Amino acid sequence: MTIKVHHLNYSRSLRVLWLLEELGLEYSIERWERDKNFRAPSEASRIHPLGRFPMVEVDGRVLAESGAVLEYFADREGKLRPTDEAEKLECTFFLHYGEGSVMPPLLVRLIFARVRAAPMPFFIKPIARGIADKIDESYTNPALDLHLGFIERTLGDRPYFAGQSFSIADIQMFYPVEAALLRAEGERPNMLAWRERVTSRPAYRRAEAQGGTAVPSD
């Protein structure tokens, strides 16, 4: 099996490097850098029409979407998926929940933080800030309180997202948890303890050494 990971700095493609390190699979990396606007380069669309990272070439096929990539390799290798039926369902839930539910309000928070900091005429700035504040008040803050509270309670009941064992659900959930903790979204001791557990894994450390951190600190 020949595996080539297209890795973008500060992106979800760290998930794939981590997965492959956990599975002990050999791979090569093609590195891509974000542009001055923190966007992925448009040339990435030559690999996959969407040009979204991660993208993984496997034996002549191109895989995209991190959750789908994690499932493909976990199923192919028969590892990092729970065998217990209840934990299997939890694993599948968190694979979808990470991007489908908790990431949208985190991204909205990031977008409007950049709107507030963006250069603009002085008479426009109060209007832009007012819109950003209203959206945060009516949508972003309540959504984050809901989802991060749910995550915190989940990790208070068990050491990993699917249950008692590390799985691809933890790899998938790392990006939103990391983003929330870096933005100081309240007191989250269970999330911090989980982060310490998973980042102490040798496979994570090897992946980070290869690809850098998943989320920029500023």
C-alpha atoms as a PDB file:
ATOM      1  CA  MET A   1       0.000   0.000   0.000  1.00  0.00           C
ATOM      2  CA  THR A   2       1.420   3.385  -1.053  1.00  0.00           C
ATOM      3  CA  ILE A   3       0.182   6.334   1.016  1.00  0.00           C
ATOM      4  CA  LYS A   4       0.854  10.019   0.327  1.00  0.00           C
ATOM      5  CA  VAL A   5      -0.591  12.632   2.679  1.00  0.00           C
ATOM      6  CA  HIS A   6      -1.151  16.164   1.425  1.00  0.00           C
ATOM      7  CA  HIS A   7      -0.589  18.137   4.614  1.00  0.00           C
ATOM      8  CA  LEU A   8      -1.570  21.774   5.152  1.00  0.00           C
ATOM      9  CA  ASN A   9      -0.079  23.594   8.120  1.00  0.00           C
ATOM     10  CA  TYR A  10      -2.517  24.349  10.962  1.00  0.00           C
ATOM     11  CA  SER A  11      -5.188  22.045   9.641  1.00  0.00           C
ATOM     12  CA  ARG A  12      -7.215  18.907  10.160  1.00  0.00           C
ATOM     13  CA  SER A  13      -4.653  16.935   8.168  1.00  0.00           C
ATOM     14  CA  LEU A  14      -2.735  16.457  11.430  1.00  0.00           C
ATOM     15  CA  ARG A  15      -5.485  13.924  12.199  1.00  0.00           C
ATOM     16  CA  VAL A  16      -4.347  11.753   9.316  1.00  0.00           C
ATOM     17  CA  LEU A  17      -0.676  11.867  10.296  1.00  0.00           C
ATOM     18  CA  TRP A  18      -1.661  10.885  13.835  1.00  0.00           C
ATOM     19  CA  LEU A  19      -3.857   8.047  12.592  1.00  0.00           C
ATOM     20  CA  LEU A  20      -1.126   6.634  10.367  1.00  0.00           C
ATOM     21  CA  GLU A  21       1.390   6.837  13.201  1.00  0.00           C
ATOM     22  CA  GLU A  22      -1.021   4.991  15.521  1.00  0.00           C
ATOM     23  CA  LEU A  23      -1.496   2.290  12.889  1.00  0.00           C
ATOM     24  CA  GLY A  24       2.238   2.023  12.174  1.00  0.00           C
ATOM     25  CA  LEU A  25       1.755   2.570   8.434  1.00  0.00           C
ATOM     26  CA  GLU A  26       4.454   4.021   6.202  1.00  0.00           C
ATOM     27  CA  TYR A  27       3.593   7.183   4.291  1.00  0.00           C
ATOM     28  CA  SER A  28       5.098  10.158   2.520  1.00  0.00           C
ATOM     29  CA  ILE A  29       4.091  13.808   2.955  1.00  0.00           C
ATOM     30  CA  GLU A  30       3.609  16.613   0.463  1.00  0.00           C
ATOM     31  CA  ARG A  31       3.585  19.830   2.464  1.00  0.00           C
ATOM     32  CA  TRP A  32       1.387  22.821   1.637  1.00  0.00           C
ATOM     33  CA  GLU A  33       1.415  26.265   3.252  1.00  0.00           C
ATOM     34  CA  ARG A  34      -1.462  28.636   3.886  1.00  0.00           C
ATOM     35  CA  ASP A  35      -1.426  31.972   2.051  1.00  0.00           C
ATOM     36  CA  LYS A  36      -1.329  35.431   3.639  1.00  0.00           C
ATOM     37  CA  ASN A  37      -5.101  35.261   4.156  1.00  0.00           C
ATOM     38  CA  PHE A  38      -4.737  31.930   5.972  1.00  0.00           C
ATOM     39  CA  ARG A  39      -6.383  30.128   3.056  1.00  0.00           C
ATOM     40  CA  ALA A  40      -5.324  26.869   1.456  1.00  0.00           C
ATOM     41  CA  PRO A  41      -3.570  27.383  -1.908  1.00  0.00           C
ATOM     42  CA  SER A  42      -5.877  27.178  -4.925  1.00  0.00           C
ATOM     43  CA  GLU A  43      -3.444  24.776  -6.598  1.00  0.00           C
ATOM     44  CA  ALA A  44      -4.663  22.085  -4.193  1.00  0.00           C
ATOM     45  CA  SER A  45      -7.673  21.551  -6.451  1.00  0.00           C
ATOM     46  CA  ARG A  46      -5.409  19.630  -8.812  1.00  0.00           C
ATOM     47  CA  ILE A  47      -5.319  16.848  -6.217  1.00  0.00           C
ATOM     48  CA  HIS A  48      -9.061  16.850  -5.446  1.00  0.00           C
ATOM     49  CA  PRO A  49     -11.726  19.130  -6.986  1.00  0.00           C
ATOM     50  CA  LEU A  50     -12.596  20.620  -3.591  1.00  0.00           C
ATOM     51  CA  GLY A  51      -8.982  21.433  -2.735  1.00  0.00           C
ATOM     52  CA  ARG A  52      -9.740  20.839   0.943  1.00  0.00           C
ATOM     53  CA  PHE A  53      -7.299  19.276   3.371  1.00  0.00           C
ATOM     54  CA  PRO A  54      -6.597  16.565   4.311  1.00  0.00           C
ATOM     55  CA  MET A  55      -6.217  14.747   1.033  1.00  0.00           C
ATOM     56  CA  VAL A  56      -4.607  11.317   0.943  1.00  0.00           C
ATOM     57  CA  GLU A  57      -3.487   9.380  -2.105  1.00  0.00           C
ATOM     58  CA  VAL A  58      -3.813   5.644  -1.547  1.00  0.00           C
ATOM     59  CA  ASP A  59      -2.906   3.220  -4.327  1.00  0.00           C
ATOM     60  CA  GLY A  60      -4.070   5.600  -7.056  1.00  0.00           C
ATOM     61  CA  ARG A  61      -7.180   6.865  -5.249  1.00  0.00           C
ATOM     62  CA  VAL A  62      -7.623  10.242  -3.552  1.00  0.00           C
ATOM     63  CA  LEU A  63      -9.400  10.281  -0.199  1.00  0.00           C
ATOM     64  CA  ALA A  64     -10.793  13.511   1.296  1.00  0.00           C
ATOM     65  CA  GLU A  65     -12.691  14.574   4.438  1.00  0.00           C
ATOM     66  CA  SER A  66     -10.859  13.676   7.631  1.00  0.00           C
ATOM     67  CA  GLY A  67     -13.677  11.613   9.144  1.00  0.00           C
ATOM     68  CA  ALA A  68     -13.951   9.504   5.999  1.00  0.00           C
ATOM     69  CA  VAL A  69     -10.169   9.039   5.911  1.00  0.00           C
ATOM     70  CA  LEU A  70     -10.095   7.917   9.548  1.00  0.00           C
ATOM     71  CA  GLU A  71     -12.886   5.414   8.945  1.00  0.00           C
ATOM     72  CA  TYR A  72     -11.244   4.060   5.785  1.00  0.00           C
ATOM     73  CA  PHE A  73      -7.926   3.246   7.428  1.00  0.00           C
ATOM     74  CA  ALA A  74      -9.413   2.040  10.716  1.00  0.00           C
ATOM     75  CA  ASP A  75     -11.706  -0.365   8.855  1.00  0.00           C
ATOM     76  CA  ARG A  76      -8.958  -1.448   6.479  1.00  0.00           C
ATOM     77  CA  GLU A  77      -6.550  -2.231   9.315  1.00  0.00           C
ATOM     78  CA  GLY A  78      -9.178  -3.467  11.779  1.00  0.00           C
ATOM     79  CA  LYS A  79      -7.859  -1.200  14.536  1.00  0.00           C
ATOM     80  CA  LEU A  80      -8.857   1.882  16.571  1.00  0.00           C
ATOM     81  CA  ARG A  81     -12.549   0.962  16.387  1.00  0.00           C
ATOM     82  CA  PRO A  82     -14.289  -0.381  19.522  1.00  0.00           C
ATOM     83  CA  THR A  83     -15.684  -3.914  19.393  1.00  0.00           C
ATOM     84  CA  ASP A  84     -18.249  -3.323  22.142  1.00  0.00           C
ATOM     85  CA  GLU A  85     -21.551  -2.361  20.492  1.00  0.00           C
ATOM     86  CA  ALA A  86     -22.280   0.604  22.762  1.00  0.00           C
ATOM     87  CA  GLU A  87     -18.771   1.999  22.366  1.00  0.00           C
ATOM     88  CA  LYS A  88     -18.930   1.424  18.611  1.00  0.00           C
ATOM     89  CA  LEU A  89     -22.050   3.611  18.443  1.00  0.00           C
ATOM     90  CA  GLU A  90     -20.369   6.301  20.541  1.00  0.00           C
ATOM     91  CA  CYS A  91     -17.335   6.211  18.250  1.00  0.00           C
ATOM     92  CA  THR A  92     -19.513   6.729  15.173  1.00  0.00           C
ATOM     93  CA  PHE A  93     -21.432   9.524  16.898  1.00  0.00           C
ATOM     94  CA  PHE A  94     -18.312  11.511  17.761  1.00  0.00           C
ATOM     95  CA  LEU A  95     -16.836  11.005  14.294  1.00  0.00           C
ATOM     96  CA  HIS A  96     -19.808  12.945  12.914  1.00  0.00           C
ATOM     97  CA  TYR A  97     -20.420  15.247  15.877  1.00  0.00           C
ATOM     98  CA  GLY A  98     -16.948  16.815  15.831  1.00  0.00           C
ATOM     99  CA  GLU A  99     -17.383  18.484  12.450  1.00  0.00           C
ATOM    100  CA  GLY A 100     -21.159  18.513  12.173  1.00  0.00           C
ATOM    101  CA  SER A 101     -22.096  20.120  15.496  1.00  0.00           C
ATOM    102  CA  VAL A 102     -19.263  21.549  17.575  1.00  0.00           C
ATOM    103  CA  MET A 103     -17.007  23.021  14.867  1.00  0.00           C
ATOM    104  CA  PRO A 104     -19.585  25.414  13.305  1.00  0.00           C
ATOM    105  CA  PRO A 105     -19.917  27.717  16.352  1.00  0.00           C
ATOM    106  CA  LEU A 106     -16.148  27.587  16.897  1.00  0.00           C
ATOM    107  CA  LEU A 107     -15.629  28.716  13.306  1.00  0.00           C
ATOM    108  CA  VAL A 108     -18.225  31.475  13.640  1.00  0.00           C
ATOM    109  CA  ARG A 109     -16.407  32.681  16.772  1.00  0.00           C
ATOM    110  CA  LEU A 110     -13.114  32.733  14.853  1.00  0.00           C
ATOM    111  CA  ILE A 111     -14.594  34.535  11.833  1.00  0.00           C
ATOM    112  CA  PHE A 112     -16.117  37.326  13.890  1.00  0.00           C
ATOM    113  CA  ALA A 113     -12.979  37.712  15.983  1.00  0.00           C
ATOM    114  CA  ARG A 114     -11.189  38.422  12.720  1.00  0.00           C
ATOM    115  CA  VAL A 115     -13.947  40.792  11.622  1.00  0.00           C
ATOM    116  CA  ARG A 116     -13.457  42.799  14.823  1.00  0.00           C
ATOM    117  CA  ALA A 117      -9.692  42.960  14.253  1.00  0.00           C
ATOM    118  CA  ALA A 118      -9.823  43.700  10.510  1.00  0.00           C
ATOM    119  CA  PRO A 119      -8.846  47.168   9.255  1.00  0.00           C
ATOM    120  CA  MET A 120     -11.886  49.151   8.108  1.00  0.00           C
ATOM    121  CA  PRO A 121     -13.104  52.765   8.003  1.00  0.00           C
ATOM    122  CA  PHE A 122     -13.737  54.135  11.501  1.00  0.00           C
ATOM    123  CA  PHE A 123     -17.421  54.733  10.813  1.00  0.00           C
ATOM    124  CA  ILE A 124     -17.945  51.093   9.745  1.00  0.00           C
ATOM    125  CA  LYS A 125     -16.162  49.497  12.714  1.00  0.00           C
ATOM    126  CA  PRO A 126     -18.955  50.092  15.310  1.00  0.00           C
ATOM    127  CA  ILE A 127     -21.494  48.576  12.902  1.00  0.00           C
ATOM    128  CA  ALA A 128     -19.325  45.518  12.215  1.00  0.00           C
ATOM    129  CA  ARG A 129     -18.628  45.027  15.911  1.00  0.00           C
ATOM    130  CA  GLY A 130     -22.311  45.399  16.718  1.00  0.00           C
ATOM    131  CA  ILE A 131     -23.244  42.692  14.226  1.00  0.00           C
ATOM    132  CA  ALA A 132     -20.503  40.404  15.551  1.00  0.00           C
ATOM    133  CA  ASP A 133     -21.599  40.974  19.153  1.00  0.00           C
ATOM    134  CA  LYS A 134     -25.234  40.254  18.292  1.00  0.00           C
ATOM    135  CA  ILE A 135     -24.393  36.977  16.538  1.00  0.00           C
ATOM    136  CA  ASP A 136     -22.171  35.887  19.417  1.00  0.00           C
ATOM    137  CA  GLU A 137     -24.908  36.746  21.909  1.00  0.00           C
ATOM    138  CA  SER A 138     -27.751  35.057  20.031  1.00  0.00           C
ATOM    139  CA  TYR A 139     -25.972  32.047  18.491  1.00  0.00           C
ATOM    140  CA  THR A 140     -22.281  31.483  19.149  1.00  0.00           C
ATOM    141  CA  ASN A 141     -22.114  31.748  22.929  1.00  0.00           C
ATOM    142  CA  PRO A 142     -25.225  29.629  23.665  1.00  0.00           C
ATOM    143  CA  ALA A 143     -24.097  27.001  21.147  1.00  0.00           C
ATOM    144  CA  LEU A 144     -20.625  26.787  22.668  1.00  0.00           C
ATOM    145  CA  ASP A 145     -22.045  26.593  26.184  1.00  0.00           C
ATOM    146  CA  LEU A 146     -24.226  23.675  25.057  1.00  0.00           C
ATOM    147  CA  HIS A 147     -21.598  21.702  23.147  1.00  0.00           C
ATOM    148  CA  LEU A 148     -18.585  22.304  25.367  1.00  0.00           C
ATOM    149  CA  GLY A 149     -20.673  21.506  28.426  1.00  0.00           C
ATOM    150  CA  PHE A 150     -21.704  18.232  26.794  1.00  0.00           C
ATOM    151  CA  ILE A 151     -18.092  17.379  25.937  1.00  0.00           C
ATOM    152  CA  GLU A 152     -16.903  18.239  29.443  1.00  0.00           C
ATOM    153  CA  ARG A 153     -19.560  16.001  31.027  1.00  0.00           C
ATOM    154  CA  THR A 154     -18.790  13.158  28.619  1.00  0.00           C
ATOM    155  CA  LEU A 155     -15.101  13.217  29.506  1.00  0.00           C
ATOM    156  CA  GLY A 156     -16.007  13.303  33.177  1.00  0.00           C
ATOM    157  CA  ASP A 157     -17.758   9.949  32.776  1.00  0.00           C
ATOM    158  CA  ARG A 158     -15.075   8.113  30.808  1.00  0.00           C
ATOM    159  CA  PRO A 159     -11.434   8.571  29.777  1.00  0.00           C
ATOM    160  CA  TYR A 160     -11.996   8.606  25.995  1.00  0.00           C
ATOM    161  CA  PHE A 161     -14.791   9.722  23.723  1.00  0.00           C
ATOM    162  CA  ALA A 162     -16.008   6.248  22.772  1.00  0.00           C
ATOM    163  CA  GLY A 163     -15.497   4.762  26.215  1.00  0.00           C
ATOM    164  CA  GLN A 164     -12.595   3.097  27.999  1.00  0.00           C
ATOM    165  CA  SER A 165     -10.233   2.830  25.012  1.00  0.00           C
ATOM    166  CA  PHE A 166      -8.579   5.304  22.662  1.00  0.00           C
ATOM    167  CA  SER A 167     -10.157   5.283  19.194  1.00  0.00           C
ATOM    168  CA  ILE A 168     -10.515   7.274  15.989  1.00  0.00           C
ATOM    169  CA  ALA A 169     -13.213   9.281  17.798  1.00  0.00           C
ATOM    170  CA  ASP A 170     -10.469  10.850  19.911  1.00  0.00           C
ATOM    171  CA  ILE A 171      -8.427  11.732  16.851  1.00  0.00           C
ATOM    172  CA  GLN A 172     -11.474  13.327  15.238  1.00  0.00           C
ATOM    173  CA  MET A 173     -12.424  15.287  18.355  1.00  0.00           C
ATOM    174  CA  PHE A 174      -8.932  16.644  19.005  1.00  0.00           C
ATOM    175  CA  TYR A 175      -9.304  19.598  16.639  1.00  0.00           C
ATOM    176  CA  PRO A 176     -12.472  21.092  18.203  1.00  0.00           C
ATOM    177  CA  VAL A 177     -11.274  20.430  21.762  1.00  0.00           C
ATOM    178  CA  GLU A 178      -7.919  22.033  21.030  1.00  0.00           C
ATOM    179  CA  ALA A 179      -9.604  25.042  19.416  1.00  0.00           C
ATOM    180  CA  ALA A 180     -11.918  25.476  22.415  1.00  0.00           C
ATOM    181  CA  LEU A 181      -9.110  25.192  24.975  1.00  0.00           C
ATOM    182  CA  LEU A 182      -6.839  27.613  23.122  1.00  0.00           C
ATOM    183  CA  ARG A 183      -9.660  30.163  23.056  1.00  0.00           C
ATOM    184  CA  ALA A 184     -10.115  29.718  26.846  1.00  0.00           C
ATOM    185  CA  GLU A 185     -13.745  28.656  26.596  1.00  0.00           C
ATOM    186  CA  GLY A 186     -14.404  28.461  30.349  1.00  0.00           C
ATOM    187  CA  GLU A 187     -13.079  26.045  32.942  1.00  0.00           C
ATOM    188  CA  ARG A 188     -12.796  22.618  31.349  1.00  0.00           C
ATOM    189  CA  PRO A 189     -10.732  20.313  33.641  1.00  0.00           C
ATOM    190  CA  ASN A 190     -11.981  17.095  32.009  1.00  0.00           C
ATOM    191  CA  MET A 191     -11.120  18.354  28.546  1.00  0.00           C
ATOM    192  CA  LEU A 192      -7.681  19.399  29.767  1.00  0.00           C
ATOM    193  CA  ALA A 193      -7.080  15.990  31.349  1.00  0.00           C
ATOM    194  CA  TRP A 194      -8.178  14.225  28.156  1.00  0.00           C
ATOM    195  CA  ARG A 195      -5.895  16.447  26.097  1.00  0.00           C
ATOM    196  CA  GLU A 196      -2.981  15.533  28.354  1.00  0.00           C
ATOM    197  CA  ARG A 197      -3.760  11.823  27.935  1.00  0.00           C
ATOM    198  CA  VAL A 198      -3.923  11.852  24.158  1.00  0.00           C
ATOM    199  CA  THR A 199      -1.033  14.232  23.491  1.00  0.00           C
ATOM    200  CA  SER A 200       1.238  12.070  25.653  1.00  0.00           C
ATOM    201  CA  ARG A 201       0.793   9.205  23.207  1.00  0.00           C
ATOM    202  CA  PRO A 202       4.005   8.534  21.221  1.00  0.00           C
ATOM    203  CA  ALA A 203       2.054   8.456  17.941  1.00  0.00           C
ATOM    204  CA  TYR A 204       0.667  11.941  18.557  1.00  0.00           C
ATOM    205  CA  ARG A 205       4.121  13.292  19.339  1.00  0.00           C
ATOM    206  CA  ARG A 206       5.513  11.805  16.144  1.00  0.00           C
ATOM    207  CA  ALA A 207       2.639  13.272  14.123  1.00  0.00           C
ATOM    208  CA  GLU A 208       3.081  16.727  15.622  1.00  0.00           C
ATOM    209  CA  ALA A 209       6.816  16.563  14.945  1.00  0.00           C
ATOM    210  CA  GLN A 210       5.977  15.855  11.303  1.00  0.00           C
ATOM    211  CA  GLY A 211       3.101  18.275  10.815  1.00  0.00           C
ATOM    212  CA  GLY A 212       3.156  20.914  13.564  1.00  0.00           C
ATOM    213  CA  THR A 213       0.220  21.845  15.782  1.00  0.00           C
ATOM    214  CA  ALA A 214      -3.370  21.540  14.612  1.00  0.00           C
ATOM    215  CA  VAL A 215      -4.522  25.002  15.693  1.00  0.00           C
ATOM    216  CA  PRO A 216      -2.482  28.243  15.759  1.00  0.00           C
ATOM    217  CA  SER A 217      -2.154  29.789  19.201  1.00  0.00           C
ATOM    218  CA  ASP A 218      -3.027  33.315  18.016  1.00  0.00           C
END
